[in-house]
């Protein structure tokens, strides 16, 4: 991948994080779809390691957690009738934990929505925090045991359960493409002494909307969904680094990483590609090669 010009790699990764599909990127950047796919894999692995290394000892006050739905290959109900089954096909959930003040994505995890993934996610959140925080989640019951096992009593934890209903004035068929109407919310203290006035999941839900809008694989009602589970994970890793370290937050007027104190400057996609080059193995000769020895 070092053979690909830096400008082209920057263009491809930027378009991936701005909602373009892989085939549209291959047309605009004038490269093959395999080139885009290989860069996605290489950058995804690098960004996952970078996030794991850099987002540590985060000093936060309020953390919000939520899950965002997507699917790989086909929705869960259609997996059995797939013409070409793939590993990991079906519904996929991306767990995210957000620092409410800096808007930093502290932790993310892609997989199922069961208690095993909830525990792994909460243990990762705990390992990245430097102090006791107030945590708010939705009413997903898997959080109850996961937060207890990961944090014990060292957490101020509350659940926010939103109640939804259909508007009585609109019963048209088009309503199925619109979100349900929130009719109320119930706040429940679970552990510690959370400030009930700050019990909210609005910030993480807004961050998840940004992920859905900026990441083509999360777009609803299109054919741009992920065809491979591994590529879905790679794209989330790239997006998270772009969101935390490269994308300027309009309200903060800096990146979330700068606001959280885990970065001291504004990164660019050029910086990311150059960091990838610094650790990439040097390309060797292609194919079998034997030195000619003259007699």
C-alpha atoms as a PDB file:
ATOM      1  CA  UNK A   1       0.000   0.000   0.000  1.00  0.00           C
ATOM      2  CA  UNK A   2       3.031   2.304   0.265  1.00  0.00           C
ATOM      3  CA  UNK A   3       3.047   2.375  -3.547  1.00  0.00           C
ATOM      4  CA  UNK A   4      -0.247   4.301  -3.492  1.00  0.00           C
ATOM      5  CA  UNK A   5       0.391   8.076  -3.361  1.00  0.00           C
ATOM      6  CA  UNK A   6      -0.223   9.736   0.005  1.00  0.00           C
ATOM      7  CA  UNK A   7      -2.740  12.134  -1.544  1.00  0.00           C
ATOM      8  CA  UNK A   8      -4.810   9.214  -2.872  1.00  0.00           C
ATOM      9  CA  UNK A   9      -4.781   7.368   0.449  1.00  0.00           C
ATOM     10  CA  UNK A  10      -5.882  10.530   2.254  1.00  0.00           C
ATOM     11  CA  UNK A  11      -8.692  10.966  -0.260  1.00  0.00           C
ATOM     12  CA  UNK A  12      -9.896   7.378   0.128  1.00  0.00           C
ATOM     13  CA  UNK A  13      -9.904   7.398   3.933  1.00  0.00           C
ATOM     14  CA  UNK A  14     -11.564  10.818   4.064  1.00  0.00           C
ATOM     15  CA  UNK A  15     -14.327   9.688   1.723  1.00  0.00           C
ATOM     16  CA  UNK A  16     -14.844   6.532   3.788  1.00  0.00           C
ATOM     17  CA  UNK A  17     -15.431   8.729   6.849  1.00  0.00           C
ATOM     18  CA  UNK A  18     -17.710  11.125   4.973  1.00  0.00           C
ATOM     19  CA  UNK A  19     -20.351   8.599   3.944  1.00  0.00           C
ATOM     20  CA  UNK A  20     -19.149   7.456   0.512  1.00  0.00           C
ATOM     21  CA  UNK A  21     -19.469   3.837  -0.580  1.00  0.00           C
ATOM     22  CA  UNK A  22     -16.404   1.821  -1.534  1.00  0.00           C
ATOM     23  CA  UNK A  23     -17.379   1.592  -5.205  1.00  0.00           C
ATOM     24  CA  UNK A  24     -18.025   5.315  -5.497  1.00  0.00           C
ATOM     25  CA  UNK A  25     -14.626   5.929  -3.899  1.00  0.00           C
ATOM     26  CA  UNK A  26     -12.948   3.616  -6.406  1.00  0.00           C
ATOM     27  CA  UNK A  27     -14.511   5.608  -9.246  1.00  0.00           C
ATOM     28  CA  UNK A  28     -13.693   9.049  -7.862  1.00  0.00           C
ATOM     29  CA  UNK A  29     -10.136   8.162  -6.785  1.00  0.00           C
ATOM     30  CA  UNK A  30      -9.567   6.146 -10.000  1.00  0.00           C
ATOM     31  CA  UNK A  31      -8.381   3.035  -8.174  1.00  0.00           C
ATOM     32  CA  UNK A  32      -9.662  -0.541  -8.085  1.00  0.00           C
ATOM     33  CA  UNK A  33     -12.181  -1.708  -5.509  1.00  0.00           C
ATOM     34  CA  UNK A  34      -9.516  -4.120  -4.223  1.00  0.00           C
ATOM     35  CA  UNK A  35      -7.215  -1.168  -3.508  1.00  0.00           C
ATOM     36  CA  UNK A  36      -9.928   0.522  -1.450  1.00  0.00           C
ATOM     37  CA  UNK A  37     -10.633  -2.744   0.368  1.00  0.00           C
ATOM     38  CA  UNK A  38      -6.963  -3.340   1.212  1.00  0.00           C
ATOM     39  CA  UNK A  39      -6.536   0.186   2.531  1.00  0.00           C
ATOM     40  CA  UNK A  40      -9.682  -0.281   4.629  1.00  0.00           C
ATOM     41  CA  UNK A  41      -8.204  -3.406   6.231  1.00  0.00           C
ATOM     42  CA  UNK A  42      -4.736  -1.901   6.801  1.00  0.00           C
ATOM     43  CA  UNK A  43      -6.096   1.361   8.192  1.00  0.00           C
ATOM     44  CA  UNK A  44      -8.683  -0.453  10.314  1.00  0.00           C
ATOM     45  CA  UNK A  45      -6.068  -2.588  12.053  1.00  0.00           C
ATOM     46  CA  UNK A  46      -3.824   0.422  12.610  1.00  0.00           C
ATOM     47  CA  UNK A  47      -6.649   2.604  13.971  1.00  0.00           C
ATOM     48  CA  UNK A  48      -7.846  -0.112  16.358  1.00  0.00           C
ATOM     49  CA  UNK A  49      -4.336  -0.334  17.836  1.00  0.00           C
ATOM     50  CA  UNK A  50      -4.024   3.466  17.919  1.00  0.00           C
ATOM     51  CA  UNK A  51      -7.282   3.915  19.826  1.00  0.00           C
ATOM     52  CA  UNK A  52      -6.339   1.151  22.250  1.00  0.00           C
ATOM     53  CA  UNK A  53      -2.988   2.826  22.903  1.00  0.00           C
ATOM     54  CA  UNK A  54      -3.914   6.522  22.954  1.00  0.00           C
ATOM     55  CA  UNK A  55      -7.335   6.621  24.638  1.00  0.00           C
ATOM     56  CA  UNK A  56      -6.197   5.796  28.166  1.00  0.00           C
ATOM     57  CA  UNK A  57      -6.447   7.478  31.586  1.00  0.00           C
ATOM     58  CA  UNK A  58      -9.386   9.580  30.444  1.00  0.00           C
ATOM     59  CA  UNK A  59     -10.527  12.025  33.115  1.00  0.00           C
ATOM     60  CA  UNK A  60     -14.267  12.341  32.700  1.00  0.00           C
ATOM     61  CA  UNK A  61     -17.189  13.319  34.891  1.00  0.00           C
ATOM     62  CA  UNK A  62     -20.161  11.954  32.965  1.00  0.00           C
ATOM     63  CA  UNK A  63     -20.121   8.977  30.613  1.00  0.00           C
ATOM     64  CA  UNK A  64     -23.054   7.856  28.479  1.00  0.00           C
ATOM     65  CA  UNK A  65     -23.302   4.431  26.818  1.00  0.00           C
ATOM     66  CA  UNK A  66     -25.546   3.186  24.047  1.00  0.00           C
ATOM     67  CA  UNK A  67     -25.723   0.652  21.188  1.00  0.00           C
ATOM     68  CA  UNK A  68     -26.294   1.312  17.488  1.00  0.00           C
ATOM     69  CA  UNK A  69     -27.819  -1.349  15.234  1.00  0.00           C
ATOM     70  CA  UNK A  70     -26.648  -2.452  11.804  1.00  0.00           C
ATOM     71  CA  UNK A  71     -26.275  -5.750   9.967  1.00  0.00           C
ATOM     72  CA  UNK A  72     -23.772  -7.730   7.927  1.00  0.00           C
ATOM     73  CA  UNK A  73     -24.815  -9.597   4.789  1.00  0.00           C
ATOM     74  CA  UNK A  74     -28.489  -9.713   5.713  1.00  0.00           C
ATOM     75  CA  UNK A  75     -30.814  -8.933   8.593  1.00  0.00           C
ATOM     76  CA  UNK A  76     -31.126 -11.697  11.175  1.00  0.00           C
ATOM     77  CA  UNK A  77     -34.526 -12.809   9.877  1.00  0.00           C
ATOM     78  CA  UNK A  78     -33.127 -13.299   6.348  1.00  0.00           C
ATOM     79  CA  UNK A  79     -29.837 -15.064   7.135  1.00  0.00           C
ATOM     80  CA  UNK A  80     -31.310 -18.551   6.667  1.00  0.00           C
ATOM     81  CA  UNK A  81     -32.348 -17.779   3.084  1.00  0.00           C
ATOM     82  CA  UNK A  82     -29.107 -16.071   1.966  1.00  0.00           C
ATOM     83  CA  UNK A  83     -27.911 -17.267  -1.456  1.00  0.00           C
ATOM     84  CA  UNK A  84     -24.271 -16.762  -0.475  1.00  0.00           C
ATOM     85  CA  UNK A  85     -23.925 -17.116   3.329  1.00  0.00           C
ATOM     86  CA  UNK A  86     -21.033 -15.289   5.011  1.00  0.00           C
ATOM     87  CA  UNK A  87     -19.487 -15.626   8.471  1.00  0.00           C
ATOM     88  CA  UNK A  88     -20.917 -13.170  10.963  1.00  0.00           C
ATOM     89  CA  UNK A  89     -24.048 -12.470   8.911  1.00  0.00           C
ATOM     90  CA  UNK A  90     -27.026 -10.995  10.724  1.00  0.00           C
ATOM     91  CA  UNK A  91     -27.664  -8.158  13.143  1.00  0.00           C
ATOM     92  CA  UNK A  92     -24.582  -6.422  14.501  1.00  0.00           C
ATOM     93  CA  UNK A  93     -24.466  -3.946  17.375  1.00  0.00           C
ATOM     94  CA  UNK A  94     -21.819  -1.285  17.957  1.00  0.00           C
ATOM     95  CA  UNK A  95     -21.470  -0.398  21.633  1.00  0.00           C
ATOM     96  CA  UNK A  96     -20.153   3.114  22.313  1.00  0.00           C
ATOM     97  CA  UNK A  97     -19.266   4.993  25.486  1.00  0.00           C
ATOM     98  CA  UNK A  98     -19.012   8.784  25.242  1.00  0.00           C
ATOM     99  CA  UNK A  99     -17.523  11.379  27.558  1.00  0.00           C
ATOM    100  CA  UNK A 100     -20.436  13.800  27.793  1.00  0.00           C
ATOM    101  CA  UNK A 101     -18.249  16.891  28.214  1.00  0.00           C
ATOM    102  CA  UNK A 102     -15.447  16.358  25.684  1.00  0.00           C
ATOM    103  CA  UNK A 103     -17.597  14.193  23.325  1.00  0.00           C
ATOM    104  CA  UNK A 104     -14.729  11.690  23.186  1.00  0.00           C
ATOM    105  CA  UNK A 105     -15.631   8.118  22.220  1.00  0.00           C
ATOM    106  CA  UNK A 106     -13.956   6.415  25.163  1.00  0.00           C
ATOM    107  CA  UNK A 107     -14.673   2.853  24.107  1.00  0.00           C
ATOM    108  CA  UNK A 108     -16.379   0.899  21.333  1.00  0.00           C
ATOM    109  CA  UNK A 109     -17.134  -2.741  20.650  1.00  0.00           C
ATOM    110  CA  UNK A 110     -18.764  -4.472  17.673  1.00  0.00           C
ATOM    111  CA  UNK A 111     -20.675  -7.724  18.108  1.00  0.00           C
ATOM    112  CA  UNK A 112     -23.852  -9.057  19.673  1.00  0.00           C
ATOM    113  CA  UNK A 113     -26.130  -7.419  22.215  1.00  0.00           C
ATOM    114  CA  UNK A 114     -25.990 -10.085  24.904  1.00  0.00           C
ATOM    115  CA  UNK A 115     -24.572 -10.064  28.435  1.00  0.00           C
ATOM    116  CA  UNK A 116     -21.174 -11.385  27.338  1.00  0.00           C
ATOM    117  CA  UNK A 117     -20.570  -8.430  25.028  1.00  0.00           C
ATOM    118  CA  UNK A 118     -21.994  -6.032  27.624  1.00  0.00           C
ATOM    119  CA  UNK A 119     -19.459  -7.233  30.198  1.00  0.00           C
ATOM    120  CA  UNK A 120     -16.525  -7.051  27.777  1.00  0.00           C
ATOM    121  CA  UNK A 121     -17.600  -3.532  26.802  1.00  0.00           C
ATOM    122  CA  UNK A 122     -17.950  -2.276  30.377  1.00  0.00           C
ATOM    123  CA  UNK A 123     -14.611  -3.775  31.404  1.00  0.00           C
ATOM    124  CA  UNK A 124     -12.966  -1.892  28.555  1.00  0.00           C
ATOM    125  CA  UNK A 125     -14.700   1.343  29.582  1.00  0.00           C
ATOM    126  CA  UNK A 126     -13.445   0.859  33.151  1.00  0.00           C
ATOM    127  CA  UNK A 127      -9.861   0.260  32.008  1.00  0.00           C
ATOM    128  CA  UNK A 128      -9.800   3.519  30.023  1.00  0.00           C
ATOM    129  CA  UNK A 129     -11.078   5.806  32.783  1.00  0.00           C
ATOM    130  CA  UNK A 130      -8.795   7.484  35.307  1.00  0.00           C
ATOM    131  CA  UNK A 131     -11.405   8.332  37.941  1.00  0.00           C
ATOM    132  CA  UNK A 132     -14.884   7.583  39.227  1.00  0.00           C
ATOM    133  CA  UNK A 133     -17.603   8.786  36.853  1.00  0.00           C
ATOM    134  CA  UNK A 134     -21.344   9.090  36.588  1.00  0.00           C
ATOM    135  CA  UNK A 135     -22.590   6.557  34.040  1.00  0.00           C
ATOM    136  CA  UNK A 136     -25.911   6.616  32.216  1.00  0.00           C
ATOM    137  CA  UNK A 137     -27.205   3.832  29.978  1.00  0.00           C
ATOM    138  CA  UNK A 138     -30.517   2.958  28.412  1.00  0.00           C
ATOM    139  CA  UNK A 139     -32.749   0.250  29.861  1.00  0.00           C
ATOM    140  CA  UNK A 140     -30.995  -2.701  28.254  1.00  0.00           C
ATOM    141  CA  UNK A 141     -30.918  -5.271  31.080  1.00  0.00           C
ATOM    142  CA  UNK A 142     -27.502  -6.644  30.113  1.00  0.00           C
ATOM    143  CA  UNK A 143     -25.983  -3.453  31.524  1.00  0.00           C
ATOM    144  CA  UNK A 144     -27.104  -4.239  35.073  1.00  0.00           C
ATOM    145  CA  UNK A 145     -24.812  -7.209  35.664  1.00  0.00           C
ATOM    146  CA  UNK A 146     -22.064  -5.876  33.374  1.00  0.00           C
ATOM    147  CA  UNK A 147     -21.686  -2.583  35.249  1.00  0.00           C
ATOM    148  CA  UNK A 148     -21.804  -4.358  38.608  1.00  0.00           C
ATOM    149  CA  UNK A 149     -19.078  -6.835  37.631  1.00  0.00           C
ATOM    150  CA  UNK A 150     -16.867  -4.251  35.926  1.00  0.00           C
ATOM    151  CA  UNK A 151     -17.093  -1.352  38.405  1.00  0.00           C
ATOM    152  CA  UNK A 152     -18.476  -2.814  41.621  1.00  0.00           C
ATOM    153  CA  UNK A 153     -19.431   0.062  43.905  1.00  0.00           C
ATOM    154  CA  UNK A 154     -16.937   2.463  42.291  1.00  0.00           C
ATOM    155  CA  UNK A 155     -19.511   4.065  40.004  1.00  0.00           C
ATOM    156  CA  UNK A 156     -22.458   6.452  40.117  1.00  0.00           C
ATOM    157  CA  UNK A 157     -24.819   4.669  37.777  1.00  0.00           C
ATOM    158  CA  UNK A 158     -28.339   5.412  36.573  1.00  0.00           C
ATOM    159  CA  UNK A 159     -30.583   4.049  33.830  1.00  0.00           C
ATOM    160  CA  UNK A 160     -32.734   6.147  31.548  1.00  0.00           C
ATOM    161  CA  UNK A 161     -35.673   4.219  30.085  1.00  0.00           C
ATOM    162  CA  UNK A 162     -37.473   6.078  27.313  1.00  0.00           C
ATOM    163  CA  UNK A 163     -41.085   5.331  26.468  1.00  0.00           C
ATOM    164  CA  UNK A 164     -42.253   5.464  22.856  1.00  0.00           C
ATOM    165  CA  UNK A 165     -45.607   5.529  21.110  1.00  0.00           C
ATOM    166  CA  UNK A 166     -47.163   6.138  17.726  1.00  0.00           C
ATOM    167  CA  UNK A 167     -48.847   9.499  17.071  1.00  0.00           C
ATOM    168  CA  UNK A 168     -52.624   9.112  16.961  1.00  0.00           C
ATOM    169  CA  UNK A 169     -52.964  11.740  14.229  1.00  0.00           C
ATOM    170  CA  UNK A 170     -50.821   9.953  11.640  1.00  0.00           C
ATOM    171  CA  UNK A 171     -51.608   6.365  10.661  1.00  0.00           C
ATOM    172  CA  UNK A 172     -50.335   6.514   7.064  1.00  0.00           C
ATOM    173  CA  UNK A 173     -48.101   3.719   5.664  1.00  0.00           C
ATOM    174  CA  UNK A 174     -45.183   6.177   5.444  1.00  0.00           C
ATOM    175  CA  UNK A 175     -44.986   6.164   9.255  1.00  0.00           C
ATOM    176  CA  UNK A 176     -43.001   2.915   9.190  1.00  0.00           C
ATOM    177  CA  UNK A 177     -40.009   4.846   7.830  1.00  0.00           C
ATOM    178  CA  UNK A 178     -40.142   7.394  10.635  1.00  0.00           C
ATOM    179  CA  UNK A 179     -38.890   6.981  14.205  1.00  0.00           C
ATOM    180  CA  UNK A 180     -41.335   6.426  17.035  1.00  0.00           C
ATOM    181  CA  UNK A 181     -42.323   9.398  19.163  1.00  0.00           C
ATOM    182  CA  UNK A 182     -40.800   9.634  22.655  1.00  0.00           C
ATOM    183  CA  UNK A 183     -43.681  10.064  25.098  1.00  0.00           C
ATOM    184  CA  UNK A 184     -41.683  10.063  28.327  1.00  0.00           C
ATOM    185  CA  UNK A 185     -38.607   8.883  30.208  1.00  0.00           C
ATOM    186  CA  UNK A 186     -38.009   7.198  33.555  1.00  0.00           C
ATOM    187  CA  UNK A 187     -34.754   7.774  35.461  1.00  0.00           C
ATOM    188  CA  UNK A 188     -33.675   5.059  37.914  1.00  0.00           C
ATOM    189  CA  UNK A 189     -30.700   5.107  40.278  1.00  0.00           C
ATOM    190  CA  UNK A 190     -28.859   1.807  40.150  1.00  0.00           C
ATOM    191  CA  UNK A 191     -25.572   2.341  42.031  1.00  0.00           C
ATOM    192  CA  UNK A 192     -23.857   5.121  43.969  1.00  0.00           C
ATOM    193  CA  UNK A 193     -25.138   8.691  44.040  1.00  0.00           C
ATOM    194  CA  UNK A 194     -25.721   9.887  40.476  1.00  0.00           C
ATOM    195  CA  UNK A 195     -26.910  13.447  39.929  1.00  0.00           C
ATOM    196  CA  UNK A 196     -30.366  12.742  38.539  1.00  0.00           C
ATOM    197  CA  UNK A 197     -30.429  16.104  36.758  1.00  0.00           C
ATOM    198  CA  UNK A 198     -27.546  14.877  34.585  1.00  0.00           C
ATOM    199  CA  UNK A 199     -28.994  11.446  33.827  1.00  0.00           C
ATOM    200  CA  UNK A 200     -29.195  11.530  30.043  1.00  0.00           C
ATOM    201  CA  UNK A 201     -28.208   9.602  26.922  1.00  0.00           C
ATOM    202  CA  UNK A 202     -28.746  12.496  24.513  1.00  0.00           C
ATOM    203  CA  UNK A 203     -25.069  13.075  23.795  1.00  0.00           C
ATOM    204  CA  UNK A 204     -24.215   9.477  22.977  1.00  0.00           C
ATOM    205  CA  UNK A 205     -27.374   9.135  20.892  1.00  0.00           C
ATOM    206  CA  UNK A 206     -26.357  12.240  18.921  1.00  0.00           C
ATOM    207  CA  UNK A 207     -22.860  10.811  18.474  1.00  0.00           C
ATOM    208  CA  UNK A 208     -24.395   7.577  17.193  1.00  0.00           C
ATOM    209  CA  UNK A 209     -26.462   9.595  14.724  1.00  0.00           C
ATOM    210  CA  UNK A 210     -23.225  11.168  13.488  1.00  0.00           C
ATOM    211  CA  UNK A 211     -21.797   7.663  13.057  1.00  0.00           C
ATOM    212  CA  UNK A 212     -24.843   6.562  11.092  1.00  0.00           C
ATOM    213  CA  UNK A 213     -24.768   9.653   8.868  1.00  0.00           C
ATOM    214  CA  UNK A 214     -21.000   9.622   8.256  1.00  0.00           C
ATOM    215  CA  UNK A 215     -20.568   5.871   7.868  1.00  0.00           C
ATOM    216  CA  UNK A 216     -22.139   4.381   4.761  1.00  0.00           C
ATOM    217  CA  UNK A 217     -22.368   0.919   6.321  1.00  0.00           C
ATOM    218  CA  UNK A 218     -24.910   2.181   8.860  1.00  0.00           C
ATOM    219  CA  UNK A 219     -27.203   3.891   6.341  1.00  0.00           C
ATOM    220  CA  UNK A 220     -30.717   2.468   6.438  1.00  0.00           C
ATOM    221  CA  UNK A 221     -32.709   1.242   3.425  1.00  0.00           C
ATOM    222  CA  UNK A 222     -29.739   0.974   1.039  1.00  0.00           C
ATOM    223  CA  UNK A 223     -27.508  -1.794  -0.325  1.00  0.00           C
ATOM    224  CA  UNK A 224     -24.379  -0.209   1.197  1.00  0.00           C
ATOM    225  CA  UNK A 225     -24.415  -2.451   4.280  1.00  0.00           C
ATOM    226  CA  UNK A 226     -21.286  -4.432   5.200  1.00  0.00           C
ATOM    227  CA  UNK A 227     -20.756  -7.700   3.354  1.00  0.00           C
ATOM    228  CA  UNK A 228     -18.029  -8.890   5.760  1.00  0.00           C
ATOM    229  CA  UNK A 229     -18.031  -8.643   9.553  1.00  0.00           C
ATOM    230  CA  UNK A 230     -14.281  -7.932   9.655  1.00  0.00           C
ATOM    231  CA  UNK A 231     -14.636  -4.982   7.277  1.00  0.00           C
ATOM    232  CA  UNK A 232     -17.463  -3.616   9.415  1.00  0.00           C
ATOM    233  CA  UNK A 233     -15.150  -3.646  12.444  1.00  0.00           C
ATOM    234  CA  UNK A 234     -12.312  -2.043  10.449  1.00  0.00           C
ATOM    235  CA  UNK A 235     -14.582   0.809   9.359  1.00  0.00           C
ATOM    236  CA  UNK A 236     -15.751   1.483  12.915  1.00  0.00           C
ATOM    237  CA  UNK A 237     -12.095   1.625  14.013  1.00  0.00           C
ATOM    238  CA  UNK A 238     -11.217   4.127  11.275  1.00  0.00           C
ATOM    239  CA  UNK A 239     -14.298   6.222  11.981  1.00  0.00           C
ATOM    240  CA  UNK A 240     -13.570   6.366  15.723  1.00  0.00           C
ATOM    241  CA  UNK A 241     -10.039   7.703  15.198  1.00  0.00           C
ATOM    242  CA  UNK A 242     -11.324  10.200  12.625  1.00  0.00           C
ATOM    243  CA  UNK A 243     -14.080  11.353  15.000  1.00  0.00           C
ATOM    244  CA  UNK A 244     -11.833  11.588  18.080  1.00  0.00           C
ATOM    245  CA  UNK A 245      -8.616  13.010  16.627  1.00  0.00           C
ATOM    246  CA  UNK A 246      -9.332  14.564  13.210  1.00  0.00           C
ATOM    247  CA  UNK A 247     -12.890  15.896  13.018  1.00  0.00           C
ATOM    248  CA  UNK A 248     -13.372  19.329  14.558  1.00  0.00           C
ATOM    249  CA  UNK A 249     -16.356  19.522  16.916  1.00  0.00           C
ATOM    250  CA  UNK A 250     -18.254  22.709  16.094  1.00  0.00           C
ATOM    251  CA  UNK A 251     -19.330  23.443  19.670  1.00  0.00           C
ATOM    252  CA  UNK A 252     -15.976  22.633  21.271  1.00  0.00           C
ATOM    253  CA  UNK A 253     -13.973  24.263  18.434  1.00  0.00           C
ATOM    254  CA  UNK A 254     -11.444  21.463  18.793  1.00  0.00           C
ATOM    255  CA  UNK A 255     -11.388  17.696  18.469  1.00  0.00           C
ATOM    256  CA  UNK A 256     -12.830  15.530  21.264  1.00  0.00           C
ATOM    257  CA  UNK A 257      -9.341  14.127  21.890  1.00  0.00           C
ATOM    258  CA  UNK A 258      -7.979  17.634  22.505  1.00  0.00           C
ATOM    259  CA  UNK A 259     -10.920  18.490  24.762  1.00  0.00           C
ATOM    260  CA  UNK A 260     -10.357  15.301  26.779  1.00  0.00           C
ATOM    261  CA  UNK A 261      -6.615  15.901  27.091  1.00  0.00           C
ATOM    262  CA  UNK A 262      -5.518  12.759  25.223  1.00  0.00           C
ATOM    263  CA  UNK A 263      -4.125  14.798  22.300  1.00  0.00           C
ATOM    264  CA  UNK A 264      -2.300  18.126  22.315  1.00  0.00           C
ATOM    265  CA  UNK A 265      -2.883  19.112  18.687  1.00  0.00           C
ATOM    266  CA  UNK A 266      -5.247  18.791  15.773  1.00  0.00           C
ATOM    267  CA  UNK A 267      -4.509  15.713  13.672  1.00  0.00           C
ATOM    268  CA  UNK A 268      -5.099  15.429   9.942  1.00  0.00           C
ATOM    269  CA  UNK A 269      -5.701  12.442   7.701  1.00  0.00           C
ATOM    270  CA  UNK A 270      -2.205  13.092   6.304  1.00  0.00           C
ATOM    271  CA  UNK A 271      -0.808  12.560   9.810  1.00  0.00           C
ATOM    272  CA  UNK A 272      -2.689   9.285  10.118  1.00  0.00           C
ATOM    273  CA  UNK A 273      -1.385   7.977   6.787  1.00  0.00           C
ATOM    274  CA  UNK A 274       2.172   8.997   7.643  1.00  0.00           C
ATOM    275  CA  UNK A 275       1.938   7.194  10.976  1.00  0.00           C
ATOM    276  CA  UNK A 276       0.748   4.112   9.109  1.00  0.00           C
ATOM    277  CA  UNK A 277       3.733   4.385   6.772  1.00  0.00           C
ATOM    278  CA  UNK A 278       6.140   4.616   9.718  1.00  0.00           C
ATOM    279  CA  UNK A 279       5.141   1.192  11.049  1.00  0.00           C
ATOM    280  CA  UNK A 280       4.336  -0.538   7.757  1.00  0.00           C
ATOM    281  CA  UNK A 281       6.757  -3.249   6.601  1.00  0.00           C
ATOM    282  CA  UNK A 282       8.986  -2.182   3.752  1.00  0.00           C
ATOM    283  CA  UNK A 283       7.899  -3.650   0.405  1.00  0.00           C
ATOM    284  CA  UNK A 284      10.218  -6.325  -0.986  1.00  0.00           C
ATOM    285  CA  UNK A 285      10.649  -7.754  -4.467  1.00  0.00           C
ATOM    286  CA  UNK A 286       7.510  -9.228  -5.988  1.00  0.00           C
ATOM    287  CA  UNK A 287       7.387 -12.938  -6.747  1.00  0.00           C
ATOM    288  CA  UNK A 288      10.241 -15.449  -6.610  1.00  0.00           C
ATOM    289  CA  UNK A 289      13.641 -13.914  -7.298  1.00  0.00           C
ATOM    290  CA  UNK A 290      17.027 -15.553  -7.569  1.00  0.00           C
ATOM    291  CA  UNK A 291      20.235 -13.684  -7.955  1.00  0.00           C
ATOM    292  CA  UNK A 292      22.079 -14.569 -11.107  1.00  0.00           C
ATOM    293  CA  UNK A 293      25.589 -15.834 -10.537  1.00  0.00           C
ATOM    294  CA  UNK A 294      27.928 -15.606 -13.511  1.00  0.00           C
ATOM    295  CA  UNK A 295      30.317 -18.472 -14.033  1.00  0.00           C
END
